């Protein structure tokens, strides 16, 4: 059985981001993996019941780990606290990955859910900081390696090593 990869739906061209857009990264290898039925395409935020489009949300002054520990909040630019929705999104991403036997994930960076290298700083100013979102935190805590869309070459190399 080939190793499965959890992939952010927006990276596969689905218009599910907060602003109704996508961030397609359909390169040759992703297309091949999709044809081999190795990709598990998932949007944690939609799975948790959030609409598209939806208000922009950021982790207030912390990171996904602190949100999952109930020590930080996810707030929309409207001021609405959506922490519980984002925590649910993380748990649903983990369940999807585990149920589908995913060993790795390719997620959208800077997202309060999927960010793996960077997230926004919580001030809605467009400034990013090093950190990870809630789903990335939970996936990593359960042994699933997470790459951002900017690390596609590293993911391909990592997967090639798993084939060996």
N, C-alpha and C. Protein backbone atom coordinates (compact mmCIF):
# COMPACT_ATOMS: atom_id res chain seq x y z
N UNK A 1 0.84 -1.19 0.00
CA UNK A 1 0.00 0.00 0.00
C UNK A 1 0.89 1.25 0.00
N UNK A 2 0.57 2.18 -0.84
CA UNK A 2 1.35 3.41 -0.92
C UNK A 2 0.99 4.35 0.21
N UNK A 3 1.98 5.11 0.67
CA UNK A 3 1.77 6.06 1.75
C UNK A 3 0.82 7.17 1.30
N UNK A 4 -0.10 7.55 2.19
CA UNK A 4 -1.09 8.59 1.90
C UNK A 4 -0.65 9.93 2.47
N UNK A 5 -1.16 11.00 1.82
CA UNK A 5 -0.78 12.37 2.16
C UNK A 5 -2.06 13.18 2.35
N UNK A 6 -2.22 13.78 3.52
CA UNK A 6 -3.30 14.72 3.76
C UNK A 6 -2.92 16.04 3.10
N UNK A 7 -3.80 16.60 2.28
CA UNK A 7 -3.48 17.83 1.55
C UNK A 7 -4.59 18.86 1.76
N UNK A 8 -4.19 20.10 2.05
CA UNK A 8 -5.15 21.19 2.15
C UNK A 8 -5.91 21.31 0.83
N UNK A 9 -7.24 21.35 0.92
CA UNK A 9 -8.08 21.42 -0.28
C UNK A 9 -7.75 22.63 -1.14
N UNK A 10 -7.41 23.75 -0.52
CA UNK A 10 -7.11 24.96 -1.31
C UNK A 10 -5.87 24.78 -2.18
N UNK A 11 -4.95 23.92 -1.76
CA UNK A 11 -3.75 23.67 -2.56
C UNK A 11 -4.05 22.83 -3.79
N UNK A 12 -5.21 22.18 -3.77
CA UNK A 12 -5.63 21.35 -4.90
C UNK A 12 -6.62 22.08 -5.81
N UNK A 13 -6.77 23.39 -5.58
CA UNK A 13 -7.58 24.20 -6.46
C UNK A 13 -9.01 24.45 -6.00
N UNK A 14 -9.37 23.94 -4.84
CA UNK A 14 -10.72 24.18 -4.32
C UNK A 14 -10.78 25.57 -3.70
N UNK A 15 -11.82 26.30 -4.01
CA UNK A 15 -11.97 27.68 -3.52
C UNK A 15 -12.61 27.67 -2.14
N UNK A 16 -11.81 27.28 -1.15
CA UNK A 16 -12.32 27.10 0.22
C UNK A 16 -11.64 28.00 1.25
N UNK A 17 -10.71 28.82 0.81
CA UNK A 17 -10.03 29.72 1.75
C UNK A 17 -11.02 30.73 2.32
N UNK A 18 -10.64 31.41 3.38
CA UNK A 18 -11.53 32.35 4.06
C UNK A 18 -12.14 33.36 3.09
N UNK A 19 -11.40 33.74 2.06
CA UNK A 19 -11.87 34.75 1.11
C UNK A 19 -12.43 34.13 -0.18
N UNK A 20 -12.67 32.82 -0.15
CA UNK A 20 -13.26 32.14 -1.30
C UNK A 20 -12.30 31.86 -2.44
N UNK A 21 -11.00 31.89 -2.17
CA UNK A 21 -10.00 31.64 -3.20
C UNK A 21 -9.32 30.29 -2.96
N UNK A 22 -8.40 29.95 -3.85
CA UNK A 22 -7.59 28.74 -3.72
C UNK A 22 -6.12 29.12 -3.82
N UNK A 23 -5.25 28.17 -3.55
CA UNK A 23 -3.80 28.39 -3.66
C UNK A 23 -3.18 27.19 -4.39
N UNK A 24 -3.71 26.86 -5.54
CA UNK A 24 -3.34 25.64 -6.24
C UNK A 24 -1.83 25.51 -6.42
N UNK A 25 -1.34 24.32 -6.13
CA UNK A 25 0.07 23.95 -6.31
C UNK A 25 0.15 22.64 -7.07
N UNK A 26 -0.63 22.54 -8.15
CA UNK A 26 -0.74 21.29 -8.87
C UNK A 26 0.47 21.05 -9.77
N UNK A 27 1.55 20.58 -9.17
CA UNK A 27 2.71 20.25 -9.99
C UNK A 27 2.61 18.81 -10.46
N UNK A 28 3.56 18.37 -11.23
CA UNK A 28 3.53 17.04 -11.83
C UNK A 28 3.44 15.94 -10.79
N UNK A 29 4.21 16.06 -9.72
CA UNK A 29 4.22 15.00 -8.71
C UNK A 29 2.89 14.94 -7.97
N UNK A 30 2.31 16.10 -7.62
CA UNK A 30 1.00 16.08 -6.96
C UNK A 30 -0.06 15.47 -7.86
N UNK A 31 0.00 15.79 -9.15
CA UNK A 31 -0.96 15.20 -10.09
C UNK A 31 -0.79 13.68 -10.16
N UNK A 32 0.47 13.23 -10.15
CA UNK A 32 0.74 11.79 -10.18
C UNK A 32 0.20 11.14 -8.91
N UNK A 33 0.48 11.74 -7.75
CA UNK A 33 -0.01 11.19 -6.49
C UNK A 33 -1.53 11.16 -6.46
N UNK A 34 -2.16 12.18 -7.05
CA UNK A 34 -3.61 12.21 -7.08
C UNK A 34 -4.14 11.07 -7.96
N UNK A 35 -3.50 10.84 -9.09
CA UNK A 35 -3.91 9.73 -9.97
C UNK A 35 -3.71 8.39 -9.27
N UNK A 36 -2.70 8.30 -8.42
CA UNK A 36 -2.43 7.06 -7.67
C UNK A 36 -3.32 6.94 -6.44
N UNK A 37 -4.22 7.89 -6.25
CA UNK A 37 -5.15 7.93 -5.12
C UNK A 37 -4.41 7.94 -3.78
N UNK A 38 -3.31 8.67 -3.73
CA UNK A 38 -2.53 8.79 -2.50
C UNK A 38 -2.86 10.05 -1.72
N UNK A 39 -3.58 11.00 -2.35
CA UNK A 39 -3.90 12.26 -1.69
C UNK A 39 -5.26 12.17 -1.01
N UNK A 40 -5.30 12.67 0.21
CA UNK A 40 -6.54 12.80 0.95
C UNK A 40 -6.78 14.31 1.06
N UNK A 41 -7.68 14.81 0.24
CA UNK A 41 -7.91 16.25 0.14
C UNK A 41 -8.92 16.66 1.21
N UNK A 42 -8.52 17.66 2.01
CA UNK A 42 -9.32 18.00 3.20
C UNK A 42 -9.17 19.48 3.52
N UNK A 43 -10.27 20.12 3.88
CA UNK A 43 -10.22 21.47 4.45
C UNK A 43 -10.75 21.38 5.87
N UNK A 44 -9.86 21.50 6.86
CA UNK A 44 -10.29 21.38 8.25
C UNK A 44 -11.36 22.40 8.64
N UNK A 45 -11.24 23.62 8.13
CA UNK A 45 -12.17 24.68 8.51
C UNK A 45 -13.57 24.40 7.97
N UNK A 46 -13.66 23.92 6.73
CA UNK A 46 -14.97 23.55 6.19
C UNK A 46 -15.54 22.35 6.94
N UNK A 47 -14.69 21.38 7.24
CA UNK A 47 -15.13 20.19 7.97
C UNK A 47 -15.73 20.58 9.33
N UNK A 48 -15.20 21.64 9.93
CA UNK A 48 -15.68 22.11 11.24
C UNK A 48 -16.92 22.99 11.12
N UNK A 49 -17.41 23.18 9.91
CA UNK A 49 -18.65 23.92 9.72
C UNK A 49 -18.50 25.40 9.43
N UNK A 50 -17.27 25.87 9.23
CA UNK A 50 -17.08 27.27 8.89
C UNK A 50 -17.44 27.50 7.42
N UNK A 51 -18.06 28.62 7.09
CA UNK A 51 -18.49 28.87 5.72
C UNK A 51 -17.36 29.41 4.83
N UNK A 52 -17.64 29.43 3.54
CA UNK A 52 -16.77 30.10 2.57
C UNK A 52 -17.64 31.06 1.78
N UNK A 53 -17.30 32.33 1.73
CA UNK A 53 -16.19 32.95 2.47
C UNK A 53 -16.54 33.09 3.95
N UNK A 54 -15.52 33.43 4.74
CA UNK A 54 -15.69 33.64 6.17
C UNK A 54 -14.75 34.75 6.59
N UNK A 55 -14.96 35.29 7.76
CA UNK A 55 -14.09 36.36 8.25
C UNK A 55 -12.67 35.82 8.44
N UNK A 56 -11.71 36.68 8.20
CA UNK A 56 -10.31 36.34 8.44
C UNK A 56 -10.12 36.08 9.93
N UNK A 57 -9.32 35.07 10.27
CA UNK A 57 -9.09 34.74 11.66
C UNK A 57 -7.59 34.57 11.91
N UNK A 58 -7.15 34.95 13.10
CA UNK A 58 -5.76 34.81 13.49
C UNK A 58 -5.69 34.35 14.94
N UNK A 59 -4.59 33.71 15.27
CA UNK A 59 -4.34 33.31 16.65
C UNK A 59 -3.83 34.53 17.39
N UNK A 60 -4.51 34.86 18.45
CA UNK A 60 -4.22 36.08 19.20
C UNK A 60 -2.96 35.91 20.06
N UNK A 61 -1.84 36.47 19.58
CA UNK A 61 -0.61 36.56 20.34
C UNK A 61 0.04 35.27 20.76
N UNK A 62 -0.23 34.17 20.09
CA UNK A 62 0.36 32.91 20.50
C UNK A 62 0.48 31.99 19.29
N UNK A 63 0.23 30.69 19.48
CA UNK A 63 0.33 29.72 18.40
C UNK A 63 -0.68 28.60 18.59
N UNK A 64 -0.70 27.68 17.65
CA UNK A 64 -1.65 26.58 17.67
C UNK A 64 -1.53 25.70 18.90
N UNK A 65 -0.31 25.50 19.37
CA UNK A 65 -0.13 24.68 20.57
C UNK A 65 -0.88 25.28 21.75
N UNK A 66 -0.73 26.58 21.94
CA UNK A 66 -1.40 27.24 23.06
C UNK A 66 -2.92 27.23 22.89
N UNK A 67 -3.39 27.34 21.65
CA UNK A 67 -4.83 27.26 21.40
C UNK A 67 -5.35 25.88 21.80
N UNK A 68 -4.63 24.83 21.42
CA UNK A 68 -5.07 23.47 21.73
C UNK A 68 -4.97 23.18 23.23
N UNK A 69 -4.17 23.96 23.95
CA UNK A 69 -4.07 23.82 25.42
C UNK A 69 -5.08 24.72 26.14
N UNK A 70 -5.92 25.41 25.36
CA UNK A 70 -6.89 26.38 25.89
C UNK A 70 -6.22 27.57 26.59
N UNK A 71 -5.02 27.91 26.13
CA UNK A 71 -4.28 29.05 26.68
C UNK A 71 -4.21 30.23 25.71
N UNK A 72 -4.86 30.11 24.55
CA UNK A 72 -4.88 31.19 23.57
C UNK A 72 -6.16 31.05 22.76
N UNK A 73 -6.51 32.11 22.04
CA UNK A 73 -7.76 32.15 21.29
C UNK A 73 -7.52 32.42 19.81
N UNK A 74 -8.47 31.96 19.00
CA UNK A 74 -8.52 32.31 17.59
C UNK A 74 -9.67 33.31 17.45
N UNK A 75 -9.33 34.49 16.92
CA UNK A 75 -10.28 35.60 16.84
C UNK A 75 -10.43 36.01 15.38
N UNK A 76 -11.66 36.29 14.97
CA UNK A 76 -11.89 36.83 13.63
C UNK A 76 -11.62 38.32 13.63
N UNK A 77 -11.41 38.87 12.44
CA UNK A 77 -11.16 40.31 12.35
C UNK A 77 -12.38 41.13 12.76
N UNK A 78 -13.51 40.47 12.96
CA UNK A 78 -14.72 41.11 13.47
C UNK A 78 -14.74 41.15 15.00
N UNK A 79 -13.77 40.45 15.63
CA UNK A 79 -13.72 40.35 17.08
C UNK A 79 -14.37 39.10 17.62
N UNK A 80 -15.02 38.33 16.76
CA UNK A 80 -15.71 37.11 17.18
C UNK A 80 -14.69 36.02 17.57
N UNK A 81 -14.88 35.39 18.72
CA UNK A 81 -14.03 34.30 19.19
C UNK A 81 -14.48 33.00 18.51
N UNK A 82 -13.62 32.43 17.69
CA UNK A 82 -13.94 31.20 16.97
C UNK A 82 -12.99 30.06 17.38
N UNK A 83 -12.45 30.17 18.57
CA UNK A 83 -11.50 29.17 19.06
C UNK A 83 -12.05 27.76 18.96
N UNK A 84 -13.27 27.55 19.43
CA UNK A 84 -13.84 26.20 19.44
C UNK A 84 -13.96 25.63 18.03
N UNK A 85 -14.32 26.45 17.05
CA UNK A 85 -14.40 25.98 15.65
C UNK A 85 -13.02 25.52 15.16
N UNK A 86 -11.99 26.27 15.51
CA UNK A 86 -10.65 25.93 15.03
C UNK A 86 -10.08 24.73 15.77
N UNK A 87 -10.42 24.57 17.03
CA UNK A 87 -10.01 23.36 17.75
C UNK A 87 -10.68 22.14 17.12
N UNK A 88 -11.97 22.26 16.81
CA UNK A 88 -12.68 21.17 16.15
C UNK A 88 -12.04 20.88 14.79
N UNK A 89 -11.69 21.92 14.06
CA UNK A 89 -11.03 21.75 12.76
C UNK A 89 -9.77 20.92 12.90
N UNK A 90 -8.99 21.18 13.94
CA UNK A 90 -7.75 20.43 14.18
C UNK A 90 -8.05 18.95 14.44
N UNK A 91 -9.03 18.69 15.29
CA UNK A 91 -9.39 17.30 15.61
C UNK A 91 -9.93 16.57 14.39
N UNK A 92 -10.68 17.25 13.56
CA UNK A 92 -11.21 16.62 12.35
C UNK A 92 -10.10 16.34 11.33
N UNK A 93 -9.12 17.22 11.25
CA UNK A 93 -7.97 16.97 10.37
C UNK A 93 -7.21 15.73 10.85
N UNK A 94 -7.01 15.64 12.16
CA UNK A 94 -6.30 14.48 12.71
C UNK A 94 -7.10 13.20 12.44
N UNK A 95 -8.40 13.24 12.69
CA UNK A 95 -9.21 12.05 12.46
C UNK A 95 -9.17 11.63 11.00
N UNK A 96 -9.28 12.60 10.10
CA UNK A 96 -9.22 12.29 8.67
C UNK A 96 -7.88 11.65 8.31
N UNK A 97 -6.79 12.23 8.83
CA UNK A 97 -5.45 11.69 8.55
C UNK A 97 -5.31 10.27 9.08
N UNK A 98 -5.73 10.05 10.31
CA UNK A 98 -5.59 8.72 10.90
C UNK A 98 -6.49 7.70 10.22
N UNK A 99 -7.74 8.07 9.96
CA UNK A 99 -8.68 7.16 9.30
C UNK A 99 -8.24 6.79 7.89
N UNK A 100 -7.48 7.67 7.25
CA UNK A 100 -7.03 7.46 5.87
C UNK A 100 -5.60 6.93 5.79
N UNK A 101 -4.99 6.68 6.96
CA UNK A 101 -3.61 6.17 7.02
C UNK A 101 -2.60 7.14 6.41
N UNK A 102 -2.80 8.43 6.63
CA UNK A 102 -1.84 9.43 6.15
C UNK A 102 -0.63 9.44 7.09
N UNK A 103 0.54 9.48 6.51
CA UNK A 103 1.76 9.55 7.31
C UNK A 103 2.36 10.95 7.27
N UNK A 104 1.82 11.79 6.40
CA UNK A 104 2.38 13.12 6.17
C UNK A 104 1.26 14.04 5.69
N UNK A 105 1.48 15.35 5.86
CA UNK A 105 0.49 16.33 5.40
C UNK A 105 1.18 17.46 4.65
N UNK A 106 0.51 17.98 3.65
CA UNK A 106 0.92 19.16 2.91
C UNK A 106 -0.16 20.20 3.14
N UNK A 107 0.17 21.21 3.96
CA UNK A 107 -0.84 22.18 4.40
C UNK A 107 -0.44 23.60 4.04
N UNK A 108 -1.43 24.47 4.03
CA UNK A 108 -1.26 25.87 3.64
C UNK A 108 -0.62 26.68 4.75
N UNK A 109 0.54 27.26 4.47
CA UNK A 109 1.23 28.03 5.49
C UNK A 109 0.51 29.35 5.78
N UNK A 110 0.74 29.88 6.95
CA UNK A 110 0.24 31.15 7.47
C UNK A 110 -1.18 31.05 8.01
N UNK A 111 -1.84 29.94 7.79
CA UNK A 111 -3.21 29.74 8.26
C UNK A 111 -3.22 29.47 9.76
N UNK A 112 -4.26 29.94 10.50
CA UNK A 112 -4.36 29.62 11.92
C UNK A 112 -4.64 28.13 12.15
N UNK A 113 -5.06 27.46 11.10
CA UNK A 113 -5.30 26.02 11.18
C UNK A 113 -4.10 25.24 10.64
N UNK A 114 -3.70 25.54 9.43
CA UNK A 114 -2.75 24.71 8.70
C UNK A 114 -1.31 25.21 8.68
N UNK A 115 -1.06 26.42 9.15
CA UNK A 115 0.30 26.96 9.12
C UNK A 115 1.29 26.00 9.76
N UNK A 116 2.41 25.76 9.10
CA UNK A 116 3.42 24.85 9.66
C UNK A 116 4.77 25.52 9.88
N UNK A 117 5.00 26.61 9.20
CA UNK A 117 6.23 27.38 9.40
C UNK A 117 5.91 28.76 9.96
N UNK A 118 4.86 29.37 9.40
CA UNK A 118 4.49 30.73 9.78
C UNK A 118 2.99 30.84 10.01
N UNK A 119 2.62 31.75 10.89
CA UNK A 119 1.24 32.14 11.10
C UNK A 119 1.22 33.66 11.23
N UNK A 120 0.05 34.24 11.08
CA UNK A 120 -0.05 35.69 11.27
C UNK A 120 0.04 36.01 12.76
N UNK A 121 0.50 37.22 13.07
CA UNK A 121 0.84 37.58 14.45
C UNK A 121 -0.35 37.90 15.35
N UNK A 122 -1.58 37.87 14.82
CA UNK A 122 -2.75 38.09 15.66
C UNK A 122 -3.22 39.53 15.71
N UNK A 123 -2.57 40.41 14.95
CA UNK A 123 -2.94 41.83 14.94
C UNK A 123 -3.66 42.25 13.67
N UNK A 124 -3.89 41.31 12.76
CA UNK A 124 -4.55 41.58 11.48
C UNK A 124 -3.84 42.70 10.71
N UNK A 125 -2.51 42.68 10.79
CA UNK A 125 -1.70 43.70 10.13
C UNK A 125 -0.94 43.15 8.93
N UNK A 126 -1.12 41.86 8.64
CA UNK A 126 -0.40 41.24 7.54
C UNK A 126 0.99 40.77 7.91
N UNK A 127 1.36 40.90 9.18
CA UNK A 127 2.69 40.50 9.65
C UNK A 127 2.66 39.04 10.08
N UNK A 128 3.64 38.28 9.63
CA UNK A 128 3.73 36.88 10.03
C UNK A 128 4.84 36.69 11.05
N UNK A 129 4.77 35.57 11.73
CA UNK A 129 5.81 35.17 12.69
C UNK A 129 5.97 33.67 12.58
N UNK A 130 7.08 33.15 13.06
CA UNK A 130 7.28 31.71 13.09
C UNK A 130 6.24 31.12 14.03
N UNK A 131 5.66 30.02 13.60
CA UNK A 131 4.67 29.34 14.43
C UNK A 131 3.86 28.38 13.60
N UNK A 132 2.98 27.68 14.28
CA UNK A 132 2.15 26.70 13.59
C UNK A 132 0.71 26.83 14.04
N UNK A 133 -0.19 26.42 13.14
CA UNK A 133 -1.61 26.46 13.41
C UNK A 133 -2.08 25.25 14.22
N UNK A 134 -3.35 25.24 14.53
CA UNK A 134 -3.91 24.23 15.42
C UNK A 134 -3.86 22.82 14.83
N UNK A 135 -4.19 22.65 13.55
CA UNK A 135 -4.17 21.32 12.94
C UNK A 135 -2.74 20.81 12.84
N UNK A 136 -1.83 21.66 12.44
CA UNK A 136 -0.42 21.26 12.36
C UNK A 136 0.07 20.78 13.71
N UNK A 137 -0.26 21.53 14.76
CA UNK A 137 0.15 21.14 16.11
C UNK A 137 -0.34 19.74 16.44
N UNK A 138 -1.62 19.49 16.24
CA UNK A 138 -2.22 18.21 16.60
C UNK A 138 -1.67 17.07 15.74
N UNK A 139 -1.53 17.32 14.45
CA UNK A 139 -0.97 16.29 13.57
C UNK A 139 0.45 15.92 14.01
N UNK A 140 1.27 16.91 14.27
CA UNK A 140 2.65 16.64 14.68
C UNK A 140 2.69 15.92 16.03
N UNK A 141 1.81 16.27 16.94
CA UNK A 141 1.76 15.59 18.24
C UNK A 141 1.41 14.11 18.09
N UNK A 142 0.78 13.76 16.99
CA UNK A 142 0.39 12.37 16.75
C UNK A 142 1.27 11.70 15.69
N UNK A 143 2.46 12.26 15.46
CA UNK A 143 3.46 11.61 14.63
C UNK A 143 3.32 11.80 13.13
N UNK A 144 2.47 12.72 12.70
CA UNK A 144 2.31 12.98 11.28
C UNK A 144 3.18 14.17 10.90
N UNK A 145 4.06 13.95 9.96
CA UNK A 145 4.97 15.01 9.52
C UNK A 145 4.19 16.00 8.67
N UNK A 146 4.46 17.30 8.87
CA UNK A 146 3.72 18.35 8.15
C UNK A 146 4.70 19.23 7.37
N UNK A 147 4.36 19.45 6.10
CA UNK A 147 5.11 20.34 5.23
C UNK A 147 4.18 21.46 4.76
N UNK A 148 4.75 22.63 4.48
CA UNK A 148 3.97 23.72 3.90
C UNK A 148 4.07 23.63 2.38
N UNK A 149 3.21 24.38 1.70
CA UNK A 149 3.25 24.39 0.23
C UNK A 149 4.58 24.93 -0.28
N UNK A 150 5.32 25.65 0.55
CA UNK A 150 6.64 26.16 0.17
C UNK A 150 7.73 25.11 0.35
N UNK A 151 7.37 23.96 0.87
CA UNK A 151 8.33 22.87 1.09
C UNK A 151 8.00 21.65 0.22
N UNK A 152 7.38 21.89 -0.91
CA UNK A 152 6.97 20.78 -1.77
C UNK A 152 8.15 19.91 -2.19
N UNK A 153 9.27 20.52 -2.53
CA UNK A 153 10.45 19.73 -2.92
C UNK A 153 10.92 18.86 -1.77
N UNK A 154 10.89 19.40 -0.53
CA UNK A 154 11.30 18.60 0.64
C UNK A 154 10.33 17.44 0.86
N UNK A 155 9.03 17.70 0.66
CA UNK A 155 8.05 16.63 0.81
C UNK A 155 8.31 15.52 -0.21
N UNK A 156 8.56 15.92 -1.45
CA UNK A 156 8.82 14.93 -2.50
C UNK A 156 10.05 14.10 -2.13
N UNK A 157 11.10 14.73 -1.67
CA UNK A 157 12.31 14.02 -1.24
C UNK A 157 12.03 13.09 -0.07
N UNK A 158 11.24 13.57 0.89
CA UNK A 158 10.90 12.78 2.06
C UNK A 158 10.10 11.55 1.64
N UNK A 159 9.13 11.74 0.74
CA UNK A 159 8.31 10.62 0.26
C UNK A 159 9.17 9.63 -0.53
N UNK A 160 10.13 10.13 -1.33
CA UNK A 160 11.01 9.24 -2.06
C UNK A 160 11.80 8.35 -1.10
N UNK A 161 12.20 8.93 0.04
CA UNK A 161 12.91 8.16 1.07
C UNK A 161 12.04 7.09 1.71
N UNK A 162 10.73 7.35 1.78
CA UNK A 162 9.79 6.38 2.36
C UNK A 162 9.53 5.21 1.41
N UNK A 163 9.78 5.41 0.12
CA UNK A 163 9.55 4.36 -0.88
C UNK A 163 10.64 3.31 -0.83
N UNK A 164 11.84 3.75 -0.41
CA UNK A 164 13.03 2.94 -0.46
C UNK A 164 12.97 1.66 0.24
